[in-house]
């Protein structure tokens, strides 16, 4: 089955939704109450450099680190990112300020660089890859994490973007 053509307009906000395979609750909160970055499976002293424990990152930590890495490599204007129990929502846009320049962009001198219009797709490719690898490692599983490709929808105005954000925040499953 072919994919729809992907065309991104500068300054437009796009909502992206993607589900986890078999609707599994892979993004369930598992952090310690006193430290949101540490999994409840890790002892509280896991971050102390004087011990031999390897800290287990929480789901929040995995997702946040993946977003941070992707934003550093492929800048987009990220308006929101909501990881619910079994799917994710995000809203992003691009403009000329998202261009890293030929000296910093690893795709600048290749046929893959066709401007900032491709940044949202590269951003999601990077985020999805890191999240899938880390979540699979955390739960000792193999195979696909994502059920399908991103579903991308253009928000035609600010009201629509706000509606999508409200929906993402209130739709738990």
Protein backbone atom coordinates (compact mmCIF):
# COMPACT_ATOMS: atom_id res chain seq x y z
CA UNK A 1 0.00 0.00 0.00
CA UNK A 2 1.44 3.36 -0.98
CA UNK A 3 1.73 6.35 1.28
CA UNK A 4 0.15 9.72 0.74
CA UNK A 5 2.42 12.40 -0.63
CA UNK A 6 3.99 14.44 2.11
CA UNK A 7 4.10 18.16 1.61
CA UNK A 8 4.73 20.55 4.47
CA UNK A 9 4.08 24.27 4.21
CA UNK A 10 6.23 26.66 6.21
CA UNK A 11 4.52 28.32 9.20
CA UNK A 12 1.62 25.81 9.20
CA UNK A 13 1.07 23.68 12.31
CA UNK A 14 0.75 19.93 11.77
CA UNK A 15 -0.62 17.43 14.25
CA UNK A 16 0.91 13.96 14.23
CA UNK A 17 -0.66 10.88 15.82
CA UNK A 18 0.88 7.43 16.02
CA UNK A 19 -0.23 4.34 17.94
CA UNK A 20 1.66 1.50 19.57
CA UNK A 21 1.30 -1.97 18.11
CA UNK A 22 -1.58 -4.00 19.56
CA UNK A 23 -2.54 -0.96 21.64
CA UNK A 24 -0.19 -2.07 24.42
CA UNK A 25 0.29 0.32 27.34
CA UNK A 26 4.01 0.82 26.67
CA UNK A 27 4.02 4.48 27.80
CA UNK A 28 2.55 3.81 31.23
CA UNK A 29 4.07 6.01 33.96
CA UNK A 30 6.71 4.11 35.92
CA UNK A 31 8.74 6.85 37.62
CA UNK A 32 9.68 7.32 41.26
CA UNK A 33 7.66 9.96 43.08
CA UNK A 34 10.81 11.73 44.29
CA UNK A 35 12.58 11.65 40.90
CA UNK A 36 10.55 11.64 37.68
CA UNK A 37 13.59 10.64 35.58
CA UNK A 38 14.20 7.41 37.49
CA UNK A 39 12.14 4.24 37.07
CA UNK A 40 10.38 2.86 40.13
CA UNK A 41 12.44 -0.32 39.53
CA UNK A 42 15.65 1.58 40.35
CA UNK A 43 16.69 2.14 43.96
CA UNK A 44 16.58 5.80 45.03
CA UNK A 45 20.39 5.84 45.29
CA UNK A 46 20.86 4.71 41.66
CA UNK A 47 22.06 8.17 40.60
CA UNK A 48 24.71 8.33 43.32
CA UNK A 49 28.12 7.96 41.60
CA UNK A 50 29.56 6.12 44.60
CA UNK A 51 27.51 2.94 44.03
CA UNK A 52 27.47 0.25 41.35
CA UNK A 53 23.81 0.55 40.37
CA UNK A 54 22.91 1.29 36.78
CA UNK A 55 19.90 3.61 36.85
CA UNK A 56 16.86 2.49 34.87
CA UNK A 57 15.33 5.48 33.07
CA UNK A 58 11.63 6.16 33.45
CA UNK A 59 9.36 6.28 30.42
CA UNK A 60 9.26 10.08 30.80
CA UNK A 61 13.05 10.17 30.70
CA UNK A 62 13.21 7.97 27.57
CA UNK A 63 10.68 10.09 25.68
CA UNK A 64 12.13 13.42 26.81
CA UNK A 65 15.69 12.43 25.92
CA UNK A 66 14.58 11.20 22.49
CA UNK A 67 12.82 14.51 21.80
CA UNK A 68 15.86 16.50 22.97
CA UNK A 69 18.25 14.54 20.75
CA UNK A 70 15.99 14.86 17.74
CA UNK A 71 15.50 18.61 18.22
CA UNK A 72 19.26 19.08 18.36
CA UNK A 73 19.76 17.17 15.09
CA UNK A 74 16.63 18.25 13.19
CA UNK A 75 15.19 21.51 14.51
CA UNK A 76 11.44 22.02 14.29
CA UNK A 77 9.10 24.29 16.22
CA UNK A 78 7.63 21.72 18.60
CA UNK A 79 4.35 23.09 19.96
CA UNK A 80 3.42 20.03 22.02
CA UNK A 81 4.27 16.36 22.50
CA UNK A 82 1.92 14.15 24.48
CA UNK A 83 2.66 10.47 25.01
CA UNK A 84 -0.50 8.75 26.24
CA UNK A 85 -0.59 5.16 27.43
CA UNK A 86 -0.66 3.58 23.97
CA UNK A 87 -0.15 6.37 21.42
CA UNK A 88 1.42 9.78 20.95
CA UNK A 89 0.29 13.17 19.72
CA UNK A 90 2.49 16.06 18.69
CA UNK A 91 2.16 19.38 16.92
CA UNK A 92 5.00 21.02 15.06
CA UNK A 93 5.78 23.59 12.40
CA UNK A 94 8.84 24.80 10.50
CA UNK A 95 10.14 28.07 9.14
CA UNK A 96 13.48 29.32 7.84
CA UNK A 97 14.87 29.68 11.39
CA UNK A 98 14.78 25.86 11.66
CA UNK A 99 17.57 25.54 9.08
CA UNK A 100 20.90 24.67 10.70
CA UNK A 101 22.95 25.89 7.75
CA UNK A 102 25.17 23.93 5.40
CA UNK A 103 28.01 23.64 7.93
CA UNK A 104 25.88 21.97 10.67
CA UNK A 105 23.22 20.00 8.79
CA UNK A 106 24.31 16.44 8.08
CA UNK A 107 21.98 16.29 5.04
CA UNK A 108 22.90 19.70 3.56
CA UNK A 109 25.25 18.40 0.89
CA UNK A 110 23.25 15.31 -0.01
CA UNK A 111 20.21 14.76 -2.22
CA UNK A 112 18.20 14.18 0.99
CA UNK A 113 18.24 17.90 1.84
CA UNK A 114 15.36 19.63 0.17
CA UNK A 115 14.88 22.33 2.76
CA UNK A 116 13.20 22.62 6.14
CA UNK A 117 9.97 21.17 4.75
CA UNK A 118 11.42 17.69 5.42
CA UNK A 119 12.40 18.46 9.02
CA UNK A 120 9.16 17.22 10.65
CA UNK A 121 9.53 13.82 8.98
CA UNK A 122 13.20 13.51 9.92
CA UNK A 123 12.36 14.69 13.46
CA UNK A 124 9.73 11.96 13.89
CA UNK A 125 11.99 9.37 12.29
CA UNK A 126 14.67 10.13 14.89
CA UNK A 127 12.29 10.35 17.87
CA UNK A 128 10.43 7.18 16.93
CA UNK A 129 13.63 5.23 16.43
CA UNK A 130 15.16 6.16 19.79
CA UNK A 131 11.91 5.64 21.70
CA UNK A 132 11.35 2.22 20.08
CA UNK A 133 14.89 1.05 20.84
CA UNK A 134 14.78 2.23 24.46
CA UNK A 135 11.26 0.98 25.25
CA UNK A 136 12.00 -2.40 23.67
CA UNK A 137 15.21 -2.68 25.71
CA UNK A 138 13.42 -1.63 28.89
CA UNK A 139 10.72 -4.28 28.56
CA UNK A 140 12.97 -6.94 27.01
CA UNK A 141 10.99 -7.17 23.82
CA UNK A 142 11.85 -7.24 20.12
CA UNK A 143 10.13 -6.13 16.96
CA UNK A 144 8.06 -3.14 16.03
CA UNK A 145 6.80 -0.69 18.61
CA UNK A 146 4.72 1.51 16.32
CA UNK A 147 1.54 0.12 14.77
CA UNK A 148 1.71 2.25 11.62
CA UNK A 149 3.24 5.32 10.09
CA UNK A 150 2.49 8.76 11.54
CA UNK A 151 -0.90 10.21 10.65
CA UNK A 152 -0.19 13.86 9.84
CA UNK A 153 -2.97 16.44 9.68
CA UNK A 154 -2.63 20.14 9.01
CA UNK A 155 -4.24 22.43 11.59
CA UNK A 156 -5.84 25.12 9.44
CA UNK A 157 -5.91 27.79 12.15
CA UNK A 158 -4.96 28.43 15.78
CA UNK A 159 -8.36 27.29 17.04
CA UNK A 160 -7.93 23.90 15.36
CA UNK A 161 -4.42 23.57 16.84
CA UNK A 162 -5.79 24.35 20.32
CA UNK A 163 -8.59 21.79 19.84
CA UNK A 164 -6.07 19.11 18.89
CA UNK A 165 -3.90 19.95 21.93
CA UNK A 166 -6.95 19.79 24.23
CA UNK A 167 -7.95 16.45 22.70
CA UNK A 168 -4.44 15.04 23.19
CA UNK A 169 -4.37 16.10 26.83
CA UNK A 170 -7.81 14.72 27.67
CA UNK A 171 -7.86 11.51 25.59
CA UNK A 172 -5.99 9.07 27.79
CA UNK A 173 -6.48 5.95 25.69
